[in-house]
Amino acid sequence: MVKTDITQMTAQEIKDYLQQREEEAAKQLRLNVAKWKEELEAHCQKKYGVSLATIFTATTKPRETKQYKNPEDGKLYTYSGRGKLPGWVKPEHEVKAN
């Protein structure tokens, strides 16, 4: 990095110079972060065989499921909390876990 003598600059020139330095620093940071992310992704793939996305979206708590008993045929229906529920499912049909 070349040193710049600001003693001969006007206030506006100093302001512009500082703005330019901030923009260059931000650009360099973005480049470094991209490189670091690639290195980290490669390390995770090599050492653990998983991607960063898998690591950051993993959870330790199990997915909560509920079971409902169909009033017509008595069969159990397990609902994982995703998707549309059948029309017959109502809170009173829920089977409580023991």
PDB file of N, CA and C in Angstrom:
ATOM      1  N   MET A   1       0.846  -1.176   0.000  1.00  0.00           N
ATOM      2  CA  MET A   1       0.000   0.000   0.000  1.00  0.00           C
ATOM      3  C   MET A   1       0.893   1.241   0.000  1.00  0.00           C
ATOM      4  N   VAL A   2       0.584   2.145  -0.868  1.00  0.00           N
ATOM      5  CA  VAL A   2       1.346   3.382  -1.001  1.00  0.00           C
ATOM      6  C   VAL A   2       0.799   4.406  -0.014  1.00  0.00           C
ATOM      7  N   LYS A   3       1.700   5.061   0.708  1.00  0.00           N
ATOM      8  CA  LYS A   3       1.268   6.103   1.635  1.00  0.00           C
ATOM      9  C   LYS A   3       0.913   7.347   0.843  1.00  0.00           C
ATOM     10  N   THR A   4      -0.135   7.996   1.285  1.00  0.00           N
ATOM     11  CA  THR A   4      -0.591   9.216   0.631  1.00  0.00           C
ATOM     12  C   THR A   4      -0.462  10.369   1.615  1.00  0.00           C
ATOM     13  N   ASP A   5       0.108  11.449   1.133  1.00  0.00           N
ATOM     14  CA  ASP A   5       0.279  12.650   1.961  1.00  0.00           C
ATOM     15  C   ASP A   5      -0.986  13.494   1.848  1.00  0.00           C
ATOM     16  N   ILE A   6      -1.749  13.530   2.919  1.00  0.00           N
ATOM     17  CA  ILE A   6      -3.006  14.279   2.881  1.00  0.00           C
ATOM     18  C   ILE A   6      -2.841  15.731   3.343  1.00  0.00           C
ATOM     19  N   THR A   7      -1.642  16.110   3.704  1.00  0.00           N
ATOM     20  CA  THR A   7      -1.442  17.475   4.201  1.00  0.00           C
ATOM     21  C   THR A   7      -1.655  18.522   3.113  1.00  0.00           C
ATOM     22  N   GLN A   8      -1.497  18.126   1.859  1.00  0.00           N
ATOM     23  CA  GLN A   8      -1.672  19.064   0.749  1.00  0.00           C
ATOM     24  C   GLN A   8      -3.054  18.969   0.110  1.00  0.00           C
ATOM     25  N   MET A   9      -3.951  18.160   0.685  1.00  0.00           N
ATOM     26  CA  MET A   9      -5.284  17.965   0.115  1.00  0.00           C
ATOM     27  C   MET A   9      -6.297  18.899   0.754  1.00  0.00           C
ATOM     28  N   THR A  10      -7.349  19.166  -0.019  1.00  0.00           N
ATOM     29  CA  THR A  10      -8.473  19.934   0.519  1.00  0.00           C
ATOM     30  C   THR A  10      -9.353  18.977   1.331  1.00  0.00           C
ATOM     31  N   ALA A  11     -10.295  19.552   2.062  1.00  0.00           N
ATOM     32  CA  ALA A  11     -11.196  18.726   2.871  1.00  0.00           C
ATOM     33  C   ALA A  11     -12.000  17.775   1.981  1.00  0.00           C
ATOM     34  N   GLN A  12     -12.447  18.241   0.824  1.00  0.00           N
ATOM     35  CA  GLN A  12     -13.227  17.401  -0.090  1.00  0.00           C
ATOM     36  C   GLN A  12     -12.359  16.274  -0.653  1.00  0.00           C
ATOM     37  N   GLU A  13     -11.097  16.583  -0.983  1.00  0.00           N
ATOM     38  CA  GLU A  13     -10.190  15.561  -1.506  1.00  0.00           C
ATOM     39  C   GLU A  13      -9.919  14.483  -0.448  1.00  0.00           C
ATOM     40  N   ILE A  14      -9.780  14.906   0.804  1.00  0.00           N
ATOM     41  CA  ILE A  14      -9.582  13.944   1.888  1.00  0.00           C
ATOM     42  C   ILE A  14     -10.810  13.066   2.049  1.00  0.00           C
ATOM     43  N   LYS A  15     -11.983  13.688   2.003  1.00  0.00           N
ATOM     44  CA  LYS A  15     -13.237  12.938   2.123  1.00  0.00           C
ATOM     45  C   LYS A  15     -13.348  11.917   0.992  1.00  0.00           C
ATOM     46  N   ASP A  16     -13.044  12.333  -0.245  1.00  0.00           N
ATOM     47  CA  ASP A  16     -13.102  11.433  -1.393  1.00  0.00           C
ATOM     48  C   ASP A  16     -12.085  10.304  -1.257  1.00  0.00           C
ATOM     49  N   TYR A  17     -10.899  10.645  -0.778  1.00  0.00           N
ATOM     50  CA  TYR A  17      -9.837   9.657  -0.592  1.00  0.00           C
ATOM     51  C   TYR A  17     -10.262   8.602   0.438  1.00  0.00           C
ATOM     52  N   LEU A  18     -10.836   9.046   1.553  1.00  0.00           N
ATOM     53  CA  LEU A  18     -11.284   8.122   2.581  1.00  0.00           C
ATOM     54  C   LEU A  18     -12.420   7.235   2.078  1.00  0.00           C
ATOM     55  N   GLN A  19     -13.312   7.807   1.302  1.00  0.00           N
ATOM     56  CA  GLN A  19     -14.414   7.037   0.716  1.00  0.00           C
ATOM     57  C   GLN A  19     -13.862   5.954  -0.211  1.00  0.00           C
ATOM     58  N   GLN A  20     -12.881   6.325  -1.014  1.00  0.00           N
ATOM     59  CA  GLN A  20     -12.263   5.377  -1.935  1.00  0.00           C
ATOM     60  C   GLN A  20     -11.572   4.250  -1.155  1.00  0.00           C
ATOM     61  N   ARG A  21     -10.890   4.582  -0.085  1.00  0.00           N
ATOM     62  CA  ARG A  21     -10.226   3.570   0.742  1.00  0.00           C
ATOM     63  C   ARG A  21     -11.243   2.604   1.357  1.00  0.00           C
ATOM     64  N   GLU A  22     -12.364   3.140   1.819  1.00  0.00           N
ATOM     65  CA  GLU A  22     -13.404   2.296   2.404  1.00  0.00           C
ATOM     66  C   GLU A  22     -13.976   1.337   1.365  1.00  0.00           C
ATOM     67  N   GLU A  23     -14.209   1.846   0.151  1.00  0.00           N
ATOM     68  CA  GLU A  23     -14.741   1.004  -0.919  1.00  0.00           C
ATOM     69  C   GLU A  23     -13.753  -0.093  -1.297  1.00  0.00           C
ATOM     70  N   GLU A  24     -12.472   0.247  -1.374  1.00  0.00           N
ATOM     71  CA  GLU A  24     -11.449  -0.745  -1.693  1.00  0.00           C
ATOM     72  C   GLU A  24     -11.343  -1.799  -0.595  1.00  0.00           C
ATOM     73  N   ALA A  25     -11.439  -1.379   0.657  1.00  0.00           N
ATOM     74  CA  ALA A  25     -11.370  -2.318   1.775  1.00  0.00           C
ATOM     75  C   ALA A  25     -12.575  -3.262   1.764  1.00  0.00           C
ATOM     76  N   ALA A  26     -13.749  -2.730   1.470  1.00  0.00           N
ATOM     77  CA  ALA A  26     -14.952  -3.557   1.402  1.00  0.00           C
ATOM     78  C   ALA A  26     -14.853  -4.563   0.259  1.00  0.00           C
ATOM     79  N   LYS A  27     -14.327  -4.124  -0.874  1.00  0.00           N
ATOM     80  CA  LYS A  27     -14.165  -5.015  -2.024  1.00  0.00           C
ATOM     81  C   LYS A  27     -13.180  -6.130  -1.685  1.00  0.00           C
ATOM     82  N   GLN A  28     -12.077  -5.788  -1.047  1.00  0.00           N
ATOM     83  CA  GLN A  28     -11.085  -6.789  -0.669  1.00  0.00           C
ATOM     84  C   GLN A  28     -11.664  -7.780   0.329  1.00  0.00           C
ATOM     85  N   LEU A  29     -12.469  -7.295   1.261  1.00  0.00           N
ATOM     86  CA  LEU A  29     -13.100  -8.180   2.238  1.00  0.00           C
ATOM     87  C   LEU A  29     -14.030  -9.170   1.542  1.00  0.00           C
ATOM     88  N   ARG A  30     -14.837  -8.680   0.580  1.00  0.00           N
ATOM     89  CA  ARG A  30     -15.737  -9.570  -0.154  1.00  0.00           C
ATOM     90  C   ARG A  30     -14.952 -10.656  -0.883  1.00  0.00           C
ATOM     91  N   LEU A  31     -13.830 -10.280  -1.485  1.00  0.00           N
ATOM     92  CA  LEU A  31     -12.999 -11.258  -2.185  1.00  0.00           C
ATOM     93  C   LEU A  31     -12.421 -12.281  -1.208  1.00  0.00           C
ATOM     94  N   ASN A  32     -11.941 -11.807  -0.070  1.00  0.00           N
ATOM     95  CA  ASN A  32     -11.390 -12.714   0.940  1.00  0.00           C
ATOM     96  C   ASN A  32     -12.449 -13.658   1.489  1.00  0.00           C
ATOM     97  N   VAL A  33     -13.624 -13.137   1.765  1.00  0.00           N
ATOM     98  CA  VAL A  33     -14.694 -13.966   2.326  1.00  0.00           C
ATOM     99  C   VAL A  33     -15.074 -15.063   1.336  1.00  0.00           C
ATOM    100  N   ALA A  34     -15.157 -14.727   0.071  1.00  0.00           N
ATOM    101  CA  ALA A  34     -15.483 -15.735  -0.942  1.00  0.00           C
ATOM    102  C   ALA A  34     -14.416 -16.829  -0.967  1.00  0.00           C
ATOM    103  N   LYS A  35     -13.163 -16.434  -0.890  1.00  0.00           N
ATOM    104  CA  LYS A  35     -12.058 -17.397  -0.895  1.00  0.00           C
ATOM    105  C   LYS A  35     -12.103 -18.254   0.372  1.00  0.00           C
ATOM    106  N   TRP A  36     -12.334 -17.641   1.518  1.00  0.00           N
ATOM    107  CA  TRP A  36     -12.390 -18.377   2.778  1.00  0.00           C
ATOM    108  C   TRP A  36     -13.550 -19.375   2.772  1.00  0.00           C
ATOM    109  N   LYS A  37     -14.674 -18.950   2.210  1.00  0.00           N
ATOM    110  CA  LYS A  37     -15.837 -19.831   2.154  1.00  0.00           C
ATOM    111  C   LYS A  37     -15.529 -21.059   1.300  1.00  0.00           C
ATOM    112  N   GLU A  38     -14.870 -20.863   0.157  1.00  0.00           N
ATOM    113  CA  GLU A  38     -14.489 -21.985  -0.699  1.00  0.00           C
ATOM    114  C   GLU A  38     -13.539 -22.927   0.035  1.00  0.00           C
ATOM    115  N   GLU A  39     -12.568 -22.360   0.754  1.00  0.00           N
ATOM    116  CA  GLU A  39     -11.625 -23.186   1.499  1.00  0.00           C
ATOM    117  C   GLU A  39     -12.328 -23.974   2.598  1.00  0.00           C
ATOM    118  N   LEU A  40     -13.243 -23.338   3.295  1.00  0.00           N
ATOM    119  CA  LEU A  40     -13.980 -23.998   4.364  1.00  0.00           C
ATOM    120  C   LEU A  40     -14.880 -25.103   3.804  1.00  0.00           C
ATOM    121  N   GLU A  41     -15.514 -24.828   2.686  1.00  0.00           N
ATOM    122  CA  GLU A  41     -16.365 -25.830   2.027  1.00  0.00           C
ATOM    123  C   GLU A  41     -15.528 -27.048   1.637  1.00  0.00           C
ATOM    124  N   ALA A  42     -14.356 -26.804   1.047  1.00  0.00           N
ATOM    125  CA  ALA A  42     -13.476 -27.907   0.646  1.00  0.00           C
ATOM    126  C   ALA A  42     -13.018 -28.701   1.865  1.00  0.00           C
ATOM    127  N   HIS A  43     -12.680 -28.022   2.945  1.00  0.00           N
ATOM    128  CA  HIS A  43     -12.239 -28.701   4.171  1.00  0.00           C
ATOM    129  C   HIS A  43     -13.352 -29.590   4.734  1.00  0.00           C
ATOM    130  N   CYS A  44     -14.563 -29.057   4.781  1.00  0.00           N
ATOM    131  CA  CYS A  44     -15.689 -29.833   5.312  1.00  0.00           C
ATOM    132  C   CYS A  44     -15.973 -31.048   4.439  1.00  0.00           C
ATOM    133  N   GLN A  45     -15.895 -30.872   3.132  1.00  0.00           N
ATOM    134  CA  GLN A  45     -16.119 -31.995   2.219  1.00  0.00           C
ATOM    135  C   GLN A  45     -15.041 -33.060   2.403  1.00  0.00           C
ATOM    136  N   LYS A  46     -13.796 -32.618   2.515  1.00  0.00           N
ATOM    137  CA  LYS A  46     -12.675 -33.558   2.627  1.00  0.00           C
ATOM    138  C   LYS A  46     -12.683 -34.292   3.965  1.00  0.00           C
ATOM    139  N   LYS A  47     -12.841 -33.550   5.060  1.00  0.00           N
ATOM    140  CA  LYS A  47     -12.726 -34.149   6.383  1.00  0.00           C
ATOM    141  C   LYS A  47     -13.992 -34.875   6.822  1.00  0.00           C
ATOM    142  N   TYR A  48     -15.164 -34.283   6.564  1.00  0.00           N
ATOM    143  CA  TYR A  48     -16.412 -34.840   7.085  1.00  0.00           C
ATOM    144  C   TYR A  48     -17.340 -35.384   6.005  1.00  0.00           C
ATOM    145  N   GLY A  49     -17.095 -35.023   4.747  1.00  0.00           N
ATOM    146  CA  GLY A  49     -17.949 -35.496   3.661  1.00  0.00           C
ATOM    147  C   GLY A  49     -19.299 -34.812   3.598  1.00  0.00           C
ATOM    148  N   VAL A  50     -19.393 -33.599   4.142  1.00  0.00           N
ATOM    149  CA  VAL A  50     -20.649 -32.850   4.117  1.00  0.00           C
ATOM    150  C   VAL A  50     -20.387 -31.420   3.661  1.00  0.00           C
ATOM    151  N   SER A  51     -21.440 -30.784   3.189  1.00  0.00           N
ATOM    152  CA  SER A  51     -21.318 -29.393   2.742  1.00  0.00           C
ATOM    153  C   SER A  51     -21.589 -28.440   3.899  1.00  0.00           C
ATOM    154  N   LEU A  52     -21.226 -27.185   3.686  1.00  0.00           N
ATOM    155  CA  LEU A  52     -21.523 -26.158   4.696  1.00  0.00           C
ATOM    156  C   LEU A  52     -23.020 -26.011   4.901  1.00  0.00           C
ATOM    157  N   ALA A  53     -23.774 -26.116   3.824  1.00  0.00           N
ATOM    158  CA  ALA A  53     -25.232 -25.988   3.932  1.00  0.00           C
ATOM    159  C   ALA A  53     -25.791 -27.070   4.859  1.00  0.00           C
ATOM    160  N   THR A  54     -25.272 -28.271   4.749  1.00  0.00           N
ATOM    161  CA  THR A  54     -25.717 -29.360   5.613  1.00  0.00           C
ATOM    162  C   THR A  54     -25.376 -29.065   7.064  1.00  0.00           C
ATOM    163  N   ILE A  55     -24.209 -28.535   7.300  1.00  0.00           N
ATOM    164  CA  ILE A  55     -23.784 -28.223   8.665  1.00  0.00           C
ATOM    165  C   ILE A  55     -24.655 -27.134   9.276  1.00  0.00           C
ATOM    166  N   PHE A  56     -24.902 -26.070   8.524  1.00  0.00           N
ATOM    167  CA  PHE A  56     -25.641 -24.940   9.084  1.00  0.00           C
ATOM    168  C   PHE A  56     -27.139 -25.163   9.170  1.00  0.00           C
ATOM    169  N   THR A  57     -27.673 -26.147   8.441  1.00  0.00           N
ATOM    170  CA  THR A  57     -29.105 -26.410   8.527  1.00  0.00           C
ATOM    171  C   THR A  57     -29.425 -27.600   9.413  1.00  0.00           C
ATOM    172  N   ALA A  58     -28.399 -28.257   9.934  1.00  0.00           N
ATOM    173  CA  ALA A  58     -28.618 -29.420  10.803  1.00  0.00           C
ATOM    174  C   ALA A  58     -29.198 -28.967  12.138  1.00  0.00           C
ATOM    175  N   THR A  59     -30.001 -29.830  12.710  1.00  0.00           N
ATOM    176  CA  THR A  59     -30.596 -29.539  14.004  1.00  0.00           C
ATOM    177  C   THR A  59     -30.448 -30.760  14.906  1.00  0.00           C
ATOM    178  N   THR A  60     -30.422 -30.546  16.187  1.00  0.00           N
ATOM    179  CA  THR A  60     -30.263 -31.662  17.117  1.00  0.00           C
ATOM    180  C   THR A  60     -31.597 -32.150  17.659  1.00  0.00           C
ATOM    181  N   LYS A  61     -32.639 -31.360  17.515  1.00  0.00           N
ATOM    182  CA  LYS A  61     -33.921 -31.805  18.052  1.00  0.00           C
ATOM    183  C   LYS A  61     -34.689 -32.582  16.968  1.00  0.00           C
ATOM    184  N   PRO A  62     -35.340 -33.660  17.366  1.00  0.00           N
ATOM    185  CA  PRO A  62     -36.081 -34.465  16.391  1.00  0.00           C
ATOM    186  C   PRO A  62     -37.335 -33.727  15.917  1.00  0.00           C
ATOM    187  N   ARG A  63     -37.750 -34.057  14.729  1.00  0.00           N
ATOM    188  CA  ARG A  63     -38.958 -33.447  14.184  1.00  0.00           C
ATOM    189  C   ARG A  63     -40.163 -33.977  14.952  1.00  0.00           C
ATOM    190  N   GLU A  64     -41.028 -33.075  15.332  1.00  0.00           N
ATOM    191  CA  GLU A  64     -42.205 -33.444  16.107  1.00  0.00           C
ATOM    192  C   GLU A  64     -43.271 -33.992  15.170  1.00  0.00           C
ATOM    193  N   THR A  65     -43.817 -35.172  15.515  1.00  0.00           N
ATOM    194  CA  THR A  65     -44.900 -35.747  14.730  1.00  0.00           C
ATOM    195  C   THR A  65     -46.096 -35.966  15.641  1.00  0.00           C
ATOM    196  N   LYS A  66     -47.259 -35.968  15.053  1.00  0.00           N
ATOM    197  CA  LYS A  66     -48.482 -36.242  15.801  1.00  0.00           C
ATOM    198  C   LYS A  66     -49.208 -37.378  15.096  1.00  0.00           C
ATOM    199  N   GLN A  67     -49.889 -38.193  15.873  1.00  0.00           N
ATOM    200  CA  GLN A  67     -50.667 -39.276  15.301  1.00  0.00           C
ATOM    201  C   GLN A  67     -52.146 -39.013  15.540  1.00  0.00           C
ATOM    202  N   TYR A  68     -52.918 -39.329  14.519  1.00  0.00           N
ATOM    203  CA  TYR A  68     -54.364 -39.161  14.578  1.00  0.00           C
ATOM    204  C   TYR A  68     -55.017 -40.491  14.222  1.00  0.00           C
ATOM    205  N   LYS A  69     -56.119 -40.804  14.891  1.00  0.00           N
ATOM    206  CA  LYS A  69     -56.854 -42.041  14.619  1.00  0.00           C
ATOM    207  C   LYS A  69     -58.047 -41.701  13.736  1.00  0.00           C
ATOM    208  N   ASN A  70     -58.085 -42.356  12.573  1.00  0.00           N
ATOM    209  CA  ASN A  70     -59.171 -42.130  11.627  1.00  0.00           C
ATOM    210  C   ASN A  70     -60.459 -42.677  12.233  1.00  0.00           C
ATOM    211  N   PRO A  71     -61.492 -41.833  12.374  1.00  0.00           N
ATOM    212  CA  PRO A  71     -62.728 -42.286  13.018  1.00  0.00           C
ATOM    213  C   PRO A  71     -63.490 -43.305  12.181  1.00  0.00           C
ATOM    214  N   GLU A  72     -63.248 -43.361  10.871  1.00  0.00           N
ATOM    215  CA  GLU A  72     -63.988 -44.291  10.017  1.00  0.00           C
ATOM    216  C   GLU A  72     -63.435 -45.705  10.078  1.00  0.00           C
ATOM    217  N   ASP A  73     -62.107 -45.857   9.952  1.00  0.00           N
ATOM    218  CA  ASP A  73     -61.546 -47.206   9.911  1.00  0.00           C
ATOM    219  C   ASP A  73     -60.612 -47.510  11.077  1.00  0.00           C
ATOM    220  N   GLY A  74     -60.334 -46.560  11.946  1.00  0.00           N
ATOM    221  CA  GLY A  74     -59.512 -46.786  13.122  1.00  0.00           C
ATOM    222  C   GLY A  74     -58.013 -46.816  12.873  1.00  0.00           C
ATOM    223  N   LYS A  75     -57.574 -46.594  11.632  1.00  0.00           N
ATOM    224  CA  LYS A  75     -56.145 -46.616  11.317  1.00  0.00           C
ATOM    225  C   LYS A  75     -55.476 -45.344  11.827  1.00  0.00           C
ATOM    226  N   LEU A  76     -54.193 -45.485  12.176  1.00  0.00           N
ATOM    227  CA  LEU A  76     -53.426 -44.332  12.648  1.00  0.00           C
ATOM    228  C   LEU A  76     -52.828 -43.585  11.463  1.00  0.00           C
ATOM    229  N   TYR A  77     -52.891 -42.257  11.548  1.00  0.00           N
ATOM    230  CA  TYR A  77     -52.296 -41.387  10.538  1.00  0.00           C
ATOM    231  C   TYR A  77     -51.239 -40.548  11.243  1.00  0.00           C
ATOM    232  N   THR A  78     -49.994 -40.615  10.756  1.00  0.00           N
ATOM    233  CA  THR A  78     -48.906 -39.844  11.352  1.00  0.00           C
ATOM    234  C   THR A  78     -48.698 -38.583  10.536  1.00  0.00           C
ATOM    235  N   TYR A  79     -48.739 -37.438  11.203  1.00  0.00           N
ATOM    236  CA  TYR A  79     -48.557 -36.144  10.543  1.00  0.00           C
ATOM    237  C   TYR A  79     -47.252 -35.530  11.028  1.00  0.00           C
ATOM    238  N   SER A  80     -46.367 -35.200  10.079  1.00  0.00           N
ATOM    239  CA  SER A  80     -45.042 -34.682  10.423  1.00  0.00           C
ATOM    240  C   SER A  80     -45.007 -33.165  10.546  1.00  0.00           C
ATOM    241  N   GLY A  81     -46.123 -32.512  10.296  1.00  0.00           N
ATOM    242  CA  GLY A  81     -46.149 -31.059  10.383  1.00  0.00           C
ATOM    243  C   GLY A  81     -45.922 -30.384   9.047  1.00  0.00           C
ATOM    244  N   ARG A  82     -45.812 -31.191   7.994  1.00  0.00           N
ATOM    245  CA  ARG A  82     -45.592 -30.626   6.659  1.00  0.00           C
ATOM    246  C   ARG A  82     -46.706 -31.116   5.741  1.00  0.00           C
ATOM    247  N   GLY A  83     -47.131 -30.256   4.862  1.00  0.00           N
ATOM    248  CA  GLY A  83     -48.160 -30.647   3.902  1.00  0.00           C
ATOM    249  C   GLY A  83     -49.559 -30.444   4.447  1.00  0.00           C
ATOM    250  N   LYS A  84     -50.517 -30.786   3.585  1.00  0.00           N
ATOM    251  CA  LYS A  84     -51.918 -30.578   3.921  1.00  0.00           C
ATOM    252  C   LYS A  84     -52.453 -31.760   4.725  1.00  0.00           C
ATOM    253  N   LEU A  85     -53.209 -31.445   5.755  1.00  0.00           N
ATOM    254  CA  LEU A  85     -53.841 -32.473   6.571  1.00  0.00           C
ATOM    255  C   LEU A  85     -55.094 -32.987   5.876  1.00  0.00           C
ATOM    256  N   PRO A  86     -55.427 -34.274   6.063  1.00  0.00           N
ATOM    257  CA  PRO A  86     -56.702 -34.768   5.547  1.00  0.00           C
ATOM    258  C   PRO A  86     -57.859 -34.028   6.215  1.00  0.00           C
ATOM    259  N   GLY A  87     -58.966 -33.944   5.535  1.00  0.00           N
ATOM    260  CA  GLY A  87     -60.110 -33.196   6.052  1.00  0.00           C
ATOM    261  C   GLY A  87     -60.684 -33.738   7.339  1.00  0.00           C
ATOM    262  N   TRP A  88     -60.554 -35.052   7.593  1.00  0.00           N
ATOM    263  CA  TRP A  88     -61.144 -35.645   8.793  1.00  0.00           C
ATOM    264  C   TRP A  88     -60.335 -35.363  10.053  1.00  0.00           C
ATOM    265  N   VAL A  89     -59.079 -34.909   9.905  1.00  0.00           N
ATOM    266  CA  VAL A  89     -58.219 -34.705  11.073  1.00  0.00           C
ATOM    267  C   VAL A  89     -58.723 -33.518  11.890  1.00  0.00           C
ATOM    268  N   LYS A  90     -58.991 -33.798  13.138  1.00  0.00           N
ATOM    269  CA  LYS A  90     -59.438 -32.769  14.074  1.00  0.00           C
ATOM    270  C   LYS A  90     -58.687 -32.994  15.384  1.00  0.00           C
ATOM    271  N   PRO A  91     -58.565 -31.976  16.222  1.00  0.00           N
ATOM    272  CA  PRO A  91     -57.819 -32.142  17.481  1.00  0.00           C
ATOM    273  C   PRO A  91     -58.328 -33.306  18.350  1.00  0.00           C
ATOM    274  N   GLU A  92     -59.604 -33.586  18.310  1.00  0.00           N
ATOM    275  CA  GLU A  92     -60.136 -34.671  19.145  1.00  0.00           C
ATOM    276  C   GLU A  92     -59.729 -36.058  18.643  1.00  0.00           C
ATOM    277  N   HIS A  93     -59.215 -36.146  17.417  1.00  0.00           N
ATOM    278  CA  HIS A  93     -58.749 -37.430  16.881  1.00  0.00           C
ATOM    279  C   HIS A  93     -57.289 -37.703  17.206  1.00  0.00           C
ATOM    280  N   GLU A  94     -56.607 -36.736  17.843  1.00  0.00           N
ATOM    281  CA  GLU A  94     -55.186 -36.909  18.138  1.00  0.00           C
ATOM    282  C   GLU A  94     -54.995 -38.020  19.175  1.00  0.00           C
ATOM    283  N   VAL A  95     -54.005 -38.879  18.918  1.00  0.00           N
ATOM    284  CA  VAL A  95     -53.661 -39.957  19.833  1.00  0.00           C
ATOM    285  C   VAL A  95     -52.506 -39.448  20.675  1.00  0.00           C
ATOM    286  N   LYS A  96     -52.702 -39.420  21.976  1.00  0.00           N
ATOM    287  CA  LYS A  96     -51.671 -38.917  22.887  1.00  0.00           C
ATOM    288  C   LYS A  96     -50.598 -39.986  23.074  1.00  0.00           C
ATOM    289  N   ALA A  97     -49.331 -39.537  23.070  1.00  0.00           N
ATOM    290  CA  ALA A  97     -48.217 -40.461  23.292  1.00  0.00           C
ATOM    291  C   ALA A  97     -48.200 -40.903  24.739  1.00  0.00           C
ATOM    292  N   ASN A  98     -47.804 -42.152  24.962  1.00  0.00           N
ATOM    293  CA  ASN A  98     -47.767 -42.685  26.334  1.00  0.00           C
ATOM    294  C   ASN A  98     -46.509 -42.281  27.019  1.00  0.00           C
TER     295      ASN A  98
END
